[in-house]
Amino acid sequence: MRTVNIFDAKASFSRLVAAAEAGETVLIARNGKPVARLGPIDPVSRPVTFGDLGATVTISDDFDTWDEQDERDWYGR
């Protein structure tokens, strides 16, 4: 595991992120003392997509219109 001082980490942040993507963990140090760790994260087992819960959402054609009935329904008038 390599250690990089904050000044160098700011200058080469993109390379450090690429190293983390490749599986490397890098310690970030201030004045030679490690204060943070940059490393890979565990991949999500599968992405969650809209509709995974089995529910279907239907948006009506007049979704973005507001009429008098909507006014009464919303304000109880």
PDB file of N, CA and C in Angstrom:
ATOM      1  N   MET A   1       0.856  -1.162   0.000  1.00  0.00           N
ATOM      2  CA  MET A   1       0.000   0.000   0.000  1.00  0.00           C
ATOM      3  C   MET A   1       0.907   1.230   0.000  1.00  0.00           C
ATOM      4  N   ARG A   2       0.678   2.098  -0.945  1.00  0.00           N
ATOM      5  CA  ARG A   2       1.532   3.283  -1.005  1.00  0.00           C
ATOM      6  C   ARG A   2       0.900   4.443  -0.251  1.00  0.00           C
ATOM      7  N   THR A   3       1.761   5.354   0.185  1.00  0.00           N
ATOM      8  CA  THR A   3       1.329   6.536   0.906  1.00  0.00           C
ATOM      9  C   THR A   3       1.654   7.767   0.077  1.00  0.00           C
ATOM     10  N   VAL A   4       0.695   8.695  -0.032  1.00  0.00           N
ATOM     11  CA  VAL A   4       0.859   9.908  -0.819  1.00  0.00           C
ATOM     12  C   VAL A   4       0.467  11.088   0.064  1.00  0.00           C
ATOM     13  N   ASN A   5       1.292  12.121   0.083  1.00  0.00           N
ATOM     14  CA  ASN A   5       0.948  13.325   0.833  1.00  0.00           C
ATOM     15  C   ASN A   5      -0.175  14.083   0.128  1.00  0.00           C
ATOM     16  N   ILE A   6      -0.920  14.877   0.887  1.00  0.00           N
ATOM     17  CA  ILE A   6      -2.084  15.589   0.361  1.00  0.00           C
ATOM     18  C   ILE A   6      -1.732  16.433  -0.857  1.00  0.00           C
ATOM     19  N   PHE A   7      -0.620  17.146  -0.814  1.00  0.00           N
ATOM     20  CA  PHE A   7      -0.226  18.001  -1.934  1.00  0.00           C
ATOM     21  C   PHE A   7      -0.097  17.177  -3.215  1.00  0.00           C
ATOM     22  N   ASP A   8       0.583  16.028  -3.113  1.00  0.00           N
ATOM     23  CA  ASP A   8       0.756  15.164  -4.286  1.00  0.00           C
ATOM     24  C   ASP A   8      -0.565  14.504  -4.695  1.00  0.00           C
ATOM     25  N   ALA A   9      -1.408  14.196  -3.707  1.00  0.00           N
ATOM     26  CA  ALA A   9      -2.692  13.579  -4.024  1.00  0.00           C
ATOM     27  C   ALA A   9      -3.576  14.537  -4.820  1.00  0.00           C
ATOM     28  N   LYS A  10      -3.560  15.830  -4.441  1.00  0.00           N
ATOM     29  CA  LYS A  10      -4.347  16.818  -5.190  1.00  0.00           C
ATOM     30  C   LYS A  10      -3.841  16.932  -6.621  1.00  0.00           C
ATOM     31  N   ALA A  11      -2.534  16.868  -6.788  1.00  0.00           N
ATOM     32  CA  ALA A  11      -1.944  17.020  -8.125  1.00  0.00           C
ATOM     33  C   ALA A  11      -2.187  15.798  -9.005  1.00  0.00           C
ATOM     34  N   SER A  12      -2.383  14.636  -8.397  1.00  0.00           N
ATOM     35  CA  SER A  12      -2.530  13.411  -9.198  1.00  0.00           C
ATOM     36  C   SER A  12      -3.795  12.645  -8.833  1.00  0.00           C
ATOM     37  N   PHE A  13      -4.842  13.364  -8.501  1.00  0.00           N
ATOM     38  CA  PHE A  13      -6.076  12.729  -8.044  1.00  0.00           C
ATOM     39  C   PHE A  13      -6.637  11.745  -9.075  1.00  0.00           C
ATOM     40  N   SER A  14      -6.642  12.115 -10.341  1.00  0.00           N
ATOM     41  CA  SER A  14      -7.187  11.220 -11.376  1.00  0.00           C
ATOM     42  C   SER A  14      -6.432   9.903 -11.423  1.00  0.00           C
ATOM     43  N   ARG A  15      -5.124   9.966 -11.296  1.00  0.00           N
ATOM     44  CA  ARG A  15      -4.327   8.731 -11.306  1.00  0.00           C
ATOM     45  C   ARG A  15      -4.606   7.891 -10.065  1.00  0.00           C
ATOM     46  N   LEU A  16      -4.818   8.551  -8.928  1.00  0.00           N
ATOM     47  CA  LEU A  16      -5.115   7.804  -7.708  1.00  0.00           C
ATOM     48  C   LEU A  16      -6.475   7.116  -7.797  1.00  0.00           C
ATOM     49  N   VAL A  17      -7.443   7.791  -8.392  1.00  0.00           N
ATOM     50  CA  VAL A  17      -8.762   7.173  -8.575  1.00  0.00           C
ATOM     51  C   VAL A  17      -8.651   5.992  -9.537  1.00  0.00           C
ATOM     52  N   ALA A  18      -7.858   6.143 -10.584  1.00  0.00           N
ATOM     53  CA  ALA A  18      -7.650   5.032 -11.523  1.00  0.00           C
ATOM     54  C   ALA A  18      -7.003   3.847 -10.804  1.00  0.00           C
ATOM     55  N   ALA A  19      -6.069   4.130  -9.914  1.00  0.00           N
ATOM     56  CA  ALA A  19      -5.429   3.063  -9.139  1.00  0.00           C
ATOM     57  C   ALA A  19      -6.449   2.373  -8.240  1.00  0.00           C
ATOM     58  N   ALA A  20      -7.350   3.149  -7.641  1.00  0.00           N
ATOM     59  CA  ALA A  20      -8.403   2.565  -6.803  1.00  0.00           C
ATOM     60  C   ALA A  20      -9.339   1.702  -7.640  1.00  0.00           C
ATOM     61  N   GLU A  21      -9.665   2.156  -8.837  1.00  0.00           N
ATOM     62  CA  GLU A  21     -10.508   1.352  -9.733  1.00  0.00           C
ATOM     63  C   GLU A  21      -9.839   0.034 -10.077  1.00  0.00           C
ATOM     64  N   ALA A  22      -8.494   0.050 -10.140  1.00  0.00           N
ATOM     65  CA  ALA A  22      -7.733  -1.158 -10.461  1.00  0.00           C
ATOM     66  C   ALA A  22      -7.546  -2.057  -9.240  1.00  0.00           C
ATOM     67  N   GLY A  23      -8.044  -1.615  -8.067  1.00  0.00           N
ATOM     68  CA  GLY A  23      -7.976  -2.460  -6.887  1.00  0.00           C
ATOM     69  C   GLY A  23      -6.933  -2.056  -5.860  1.00  0.00           C
ATOM     70  N   GLU A  24      -6.190  -0.997  -6.119  1.00  0.00           N
ATOM     71  CA  GLU A  24      -5.141  -0.561  -5.196  1.00  0.00           C
ATOM     72  C   GLU A  24      -5.724   0.355  -4.116  1.00  0.00           C
ATOM     73  N   THR A  25      -5.156   0.259  -2.922  1.00  0.00           N
ATOM     74  CA  THR A  25      -5.529   1.159  -1.839  1.00  0.00           C
ATOM     75  C   THR A  25      -4.357   2.090  -1.591  1.00  0.00           C
ATOM     76  N   VAL A  26      -4.663   3.383  -1.481  1.00  0.00           N
ATOM     77  CA  VAL A  26      -3.629   4.403  -1.289  1.00  0.00           C
ATOM     78  C   VAL A  26      -3.939   5.146   0.001  1.00  0.00           C
ATOM     79  N   LEU A  27      -2.921   5.320   0.847  1.00  0.00           N
ATOM     80  CA  LEU A  27      -3.076   6.117   2.045  1.00  0.00           C
ATOM     81  C   LEU A  27      -2.761   7.566   1.720  1.00  0.00           C
ATOM     82  N   ILE A  28      -3.600   8.483   2.186  1.00  0.00           N
ATOM     83  CA  ILE A  28      -3.366   9.910   2.024  1.00  0.00           C
ATOM     84  C   ILE A  28      -2.826  10.411   3.365  1.00  0.00           C
ATOM     85  N   ALA A  29      -1.696  11.125   3.315  1.00  0.00           N
ATOM     86  CA  ALA A  29      -1.042  11.555   4.543  1.00  0.00           C
ATOM     87  C   ALA A  29      -0.910  13.069   4.602  1.00  0.00           C
ATOM     88  N   ARG A  30      -0.918  13.577   5.827  1.00  0.00           N
ATOM     89  CA  ARG A  30      -0.636  14.988   6.080  1.00  0.00           C
ATOM     90  C   ARG A  30       0.634  15.012   6.920  1.00  0.00           C
ATOM     91  N   ASN A  31       1.668  15.669   6.386  1.00  0.00           N
ATOM     92  CA  ASN A  31       2.963  15.720   7.062  1.00  0.00           C
ATOM     93  C   ASN A  31       3.479  14.329   7.409  1.00  0.00           C
ATOM     94  N   GLY A  32       3.263  13.377   6.499  1.00  0.00           N
ATOM     95  CA  GLY A  32       3.757  12.019   6.687  1.00  0.00           C
ATOM     96  C   GLY A  32       2.888  11.122   7.549  1.00  0.00           C
ATOM     97  N   LYS A  33       1.825  11.659   8.143  1.00  0.00           N
ATOM     98  CA  LYS A  33       0.945  10.868   8.999  1.00  0.00           C
ATOM     99  C   LYS A  33      -0.328  10.511   8.224  1.00  0.00           C
ATOM    100  N   PRO A  34      -0.612   9.216   8.042  1.00  0.00           N
ATOM    101  CA  PRO A  34      -1.819   8.819   7.305  1.00  0.00           C
ATOM    102  C   PRO A  34      -3.092   9.355   7.968  1.00  0.00           C
ATOM    103  N   VAL A  35      -3.948   9.972   7.140  1.00  0.00           N
ATOM    104  CA  VAL A  35      -5.207  10.537   7.651  1.00  0.00           C
ATOM    105  C   VAL A  35      -6.439  10.037   6.888  1.00  0.00           C
ATOM    106  N   ALA A  36      -6.233   9.444   5.724  1.00  0.00           N
ATOM    107  CA  ALA A  36      -7.362   8.959   4.925  1.00  0.00           C
ATOM    108  C   ALA A  36      -6.899   7.806   4.053  1.00  0.00           C
ATOM    109  N   ARG A  37      -7.876   7.051   3.578  1.00  0.00           N
ATOM    110  CA  ARG A  37      -7.577   5.913   2.719  1.00  0.00           C
ATOM    111  C   ARG A  37      -8.443   6.013   1.470  1.00  0.00           C
ATOM    112  N   LEU A  38      -7.841   5.850   0.307  1.00  0.00           N
ATOM    113  CA  LEU A  38      -8.565   5.850  -0.965  1.00  0.00           C
ATOM    114  C   LEU A  38      -8.411   4.459  -1.550  1.00  0.00           C
ATOM    115  N   GLY A  39      -9.519   3.801  -1.821  1.00  0.00           N
ATOM    116  CA  GLY A  39      -9.428   2.447  -2.339  1.00  0.00           C
ATOM    117  C   GLY A  39     -10.681   2.038  -3.066  1.00  0.00           C
ATOM    118  N   PRO A  40     -10.658   0.819  -3.572  1.00  0.00           N
ATOM    119  CA  PRO A  40     -11.812   0.330  -4.325  1.00  0.00           C
ATOM    120  C   PRO A  40     -12.992   0.071  -3.399  1.00  0.00           C
ATOM    121  N   ILE A  41     -14.178   0.118  -3.962  1.00  0.00           N
ATOM    122  CA  ILE A  41     -15.377  -0.226  -3.201  1.00  0.00           C
ATOM    123  C   ILE A  41     -15.902  -1.553  -3.726  1.00  0.00           C
ATOM    124  N   ASP A  42     -16.649  -2.233  -2.877  1.00  0.00           N
ATOM    125  CA  ASP A  42     -17.244  -3.492  -3.301  1.00  0.00           C
ATOM    126  C   ASP A  42     -18.297  -3.212  -4.353  1.00  0.00           C
ATOM    127  N   PRO A  43     -18.264  -3.949  -5.440  1.00  0.00           N
ATOM    128  CA  PRO A  43     -19.283  -3.712  -6.479  1.00  0.00           C
ATOM    129  C   PRO A  43     -20.665  -4.092  -5.970  1.00  0.00           C
ATOM    130  N   VAL A  44     -21.656  -3.388  -6.467  1.00  0.00           N
ATOM    131  CA  VAL A  44     -23.038  -3.709  -6.130  1.00  0.00           C
ATOM    132  C   VAL A  44     -23.375  -5.019  -6.824  1.00  0.00           C
ATOM    133  N   SER A  45     -24.066  -5.899  -6.119  1.00  0.00           N
ATOM    134  CA  SER A  45     -24.362  -7.214  -6.690  1.00  0.00           C
ATOM    135  C   SER A  45     -25.131  -7.105  -8.005  1.00  0.00           C
ATOM    136  N   ARG A  46     -26.037  -6.167  -8.053  1.00  0.00           N
ATOM    137  CA  ARG A  46     -26.739  -5.881  -9.306  1.00  0.00           C
ATOM    138  C   ARG A  46     -27.344  -4.496  -9.169  1.00  0.00           C
ATOM    139  N   PRO A  47     -27.395  -3.764 -10.234  1.00  0.00           N
ATOM    140  CA  PRO A  47     -27.992  -2.432 -10.140  1.00  0.00           C
ATOM    141  C   PRO A  47     -29.494  -2.523  -9.882  1.00  0.00           C
ATOM    142  N   VAL A  48     -29.978  -1.634  -9.065  1.00  0.00           N
ATOM    143  CA  VAL A  48     -31.410  -1.567  -8.810  1.00  0.00           C
ATOM    144  C   VAL A  48     -32.016  -0.644  -9.850  1.00  0.00           C
ATOM    145  N   THR A  49     -32.997  -1.133 -10.540  1.00  0.00           N
ATOM    146  CA  THR A  49     -33.638  -0.330 -11.574  1.00  0.00           C
ATOM    147  C   THR A  49     -35.078  -0.048 -11.182  1.00  0.00           C
ATOM    148  N   PHE A  50     -35.613   0.998 -11.720  1.00  0.00           N
ATOM    149  CA  PHE A  50     -36.990   1.391 -11.448  1.00  0.00           C
ATOM    150  C   PHE A  50     -37.918   0.251 -11.831  1.00  0.00           C
ATOM    151  N   GLY A  51     -38.764  -0.123 -10.938  1.00  0.00           N
ATOM    152  CA  GLY A  51     -39.717  -1.186 -11.230  1.00  0.00           C
ATOM    153  C   GLY A  51     -39.304  -2.537 -10.706  1.00  0.00           C
ATOM    154  N   ASP A  52     -38.155  -2.633 -10.024  1.00  0.00           N
ATOM    155  CA  ASP A  52     -37.709  -3.914  -9.492  1.00  0.00           C
ATOM    156  C   ASP A  52     -38.628  -4.471  -8.415  1.00  0.00           C
ATOM    157  N   LEU A  53     -39.436  -3.637  -7.801  1.00  0.00           N
ATOM    158  CA  LEU A  53     -40.300  -4.105  -6.732  1.00  0.00           C
ATOM    159  C   LEU A  53     -41.577  -4.743  -7.263  1.00  0.00           C
ATOM    160  N   GLY A  54     -41.711  -4.818  -8.558  1.00  0.00           N
ATOM    161  CA  GLY A  54     -42.866  -5.462  -9.155  1.00  0.00           C
ATOM    162  C   GLY A  54     -44.045  -4.539  -9.401  1.00  0.00           C
ATOM    163  N   ALA A  55     -43.931  -3.302  -8.996  1.00  0.00           N
ATOM    164  CA  ALA A  55     -45.020  -2.356  -9.200  1.00  0.00           C
ATOM    165  C   ALA A  55     -44.866  -1.689 -10.566  1.00  0.00           C
ATOM    166  N   THR A  56     -45.965  -1.363 -11.158  1.00  0.00           N
ATOM    167  CA  THR A  56     -45.955  -0.662 -12.427  1.00  0.00           C
ATOM    168  C   THR A  56     -46.461   0.749 -12.198  1.00  0.00           C
ATOM    169  N   VAL A  57     -45.738   1.708 -12.708  1.00  0.00           N
ATOM    170  CA  VAL A  57     -46.143   3.099 -12.584  1.00  0.00           C
ATOM    171  C   VAL A  57     -46.586   3.581 -13.954  1.00  0.00           C
ATOM    172  N   THR A  58     -47.783   4.124 -14.009  1.00  0.00           N
ATOM    173  CA  THR A  58     -48.307   4.659 -15.256  1.00  0.00           C
ATOM    174  C   THR A  58     -48.544   6.149 -15.071  1.00  0.00           C
ATOM    175  N   ILE A  59     -48.006   6.942 -15.972  1.00  0.00           N
ATOM    176  CA  ILE A  59     -48.186   8.387 -15.930  1.00  0.00           C
ATOM    177  C   ILE A  59     -49.183   8.761 -17.023  1.00  0.00           C
ATOM    178  N   SER A  60     -50.252   9.413 -16.625  1.00  0.00           N
ATOM    179  CA  SER A  60     -51.295   9.744 -17.594  1.00  0.00           C
ATOM    180  C   SER A  60     -50.824  10.840 -18.539  1.00  0.00           C
ATOM    181  N   ASP A  61     -51.484  10.939 -19.663  1.00  0.00           N
ATOM    182  CA  ASP A  61     -51.137  11.928 -20.678  1.00  0.00           C
ATOM    183  C   ASP A  61     -51.310  13.352 -20.175  1.00  0.00           C
ATOM    184  N   ASP A  62     -52.252  13.561 -19.243  1.00  0.00           N
ATOM    185  CA  ASP A  62     -52.496  14.910 -18.752  1.00  0.00           C
ATOM    186  C   ASP A  62     -51.764  15.188 -17.428  1.00  0.00           C
ATOM    187  N   PHE A  63     -50.692  14.472 -17.173  1.00  0.00           N
ATOM    188  CA  PHE A  63     -49.944  14.599 -15.921  1.00  0.00           C
ATOM    189  C   PHE A  63     -49.538  16.034 -15.615  1.00  0.00           C
ATOM    190  N   ASP A  64     -49.110  16.762 -16.604  1.00  0.00           N
ATOM    191  CA  ASP A  64     -48.587  18.109 -16.363  1.00  0.00           C
ATOM    192  C   ASP A  64     -49.619  19.218 -16.588  1.00  0.00           C
ATOM    193  N   THR A  65     -50.877  18.857 -16.601  1.00  0.00           N
ATOM    194  CA  THR A  65     -51.920  19.888 -16.719  1.00  0.00           C
ATOM    195  C   THR A  65     -52.598  20.059 -15.363  1.00  0.00           C
ATOM    196  N   TRP A  66     -53.167  21.230 -15.137  1.00  0.00           N
ATOM    197  CA  TRP A  66     -53.856  21.545 -13.878  1.00  0.00           C
ATOM    198  C   TRP A  66     -55.191  22.164 -14.239  1.00  0.00           C
ATOM    199  N   ASP A  67     -56.262  21.517 -13.863  1.00  0.00           N
ATOM    200  CA  ASP A  67     -57.583  22.052 -14.207  1.00  0.00           C
ATOM    201  C   ASP A  67     -58.389  22.321 -12.938  1.00  0.00           C
ATOM    202  N   GLU A  68     -59.628  22.716 -13.120  1.00  0.00           N
ATOM    203  CA  GLU A  68     -60.478  23.070 -11.974  1.00  0.00           C
ATOM    204  C   GLU A  68     -60.725  21.881 -11.050  1.00  0.00           C
ATOM    205  N   GLN A  69     -60.850  20.684 -11.623  1.00  0.00           N
ATOM    206  CA  GLN A  69     -61.052  19.498 -10.785  1.00  0.00           C
ATOM    207  C   GLN A  69     -59.816  19.244  -9.917  1.00  0.00           C
ATOM    208  N   ASP A  70     -58.638  19.424 -10.494  1.00  0.00           N
ATOM    209  CA  ASP A  70     -57.412  19.283  -9.705  1.00  0.00           C
ATOM    210  C   ASP A  70     -57.377  20.308  -8.577  1.00  0.00           C
ATOM    211  N   GLU A  71     -57.813  21.514  -8.872  1.00  0.00           N
ATOM    212  CA  GLU A  71     -57.868  22.591  -7.876  1.00  0.00           C
ATOM    213  C   GLU A  71     -58.777  22.180  -6.708  1.00  0.00           C
ATOM    214  N   ARG A  72     -59.961  21.650  -7.020  1.00  0.00           N
ATOM    215  CA  ARG A  72     -60.885  21.213  -5.977  1.00  0.00           C
ATOM    216  C   ARG A  72     -60.308  20.036  -5.184  1.00  0.00           C
ATOM    217  N   ASP A  73     -59.709  19.083  -5.893  1.00  0.00           N
ATOM    218  CA  ASP A  73     -59.137  17.926  -5.216  1.00  0.00           C
ATOM    219  C   ASP A  73     -57.995  18.317  -4.290  1.00  0.00           C
ATOM    220  N   TRP A  74     -57.181  19.240  -4.742  1.00  0.00           N
ATOM    221  CA  TRP A  74     -56.006  19.639  -3.979  1.00  0.00           C
ATOM    222  C   TRP A  74     -56.355  20.488  -2.760  1.00  0.00           C
ATOM    223  N   TYR A  75     -57.205  21.486  -2.976  1.00  0.00           N
ATOM    224  CA  TYR A  75     -57.538  22.422  -1.908  1.00  0.00           C
ATOM    225  C   TYR A  75     -58.849  22.111  -1.192  1.00  0.00           C
ATOM    226  N   GLY A  76     -59.566  21.085  -1.639  1.00  0.00           N
ATOM    227  CA  GLY A  76     -60.816  20.689  -0.993  1.00  0.00           C
ATOM    228  C   GLY A  76     -61.924  21.703  -1.151  1.00  0.00           C
ATOM    229  N   ARG A  77     -61.937  22.413  -2.242  1.00  0.00           N
ATOM    230  CA  ARG A  77     -62.951  23.443  -2.488  1.00  0.00           C
ATOM    231  C   ARG A  77     -64.110  22.875  -3.256  1.00  0.00           C
TER     232      ARG A  77
END
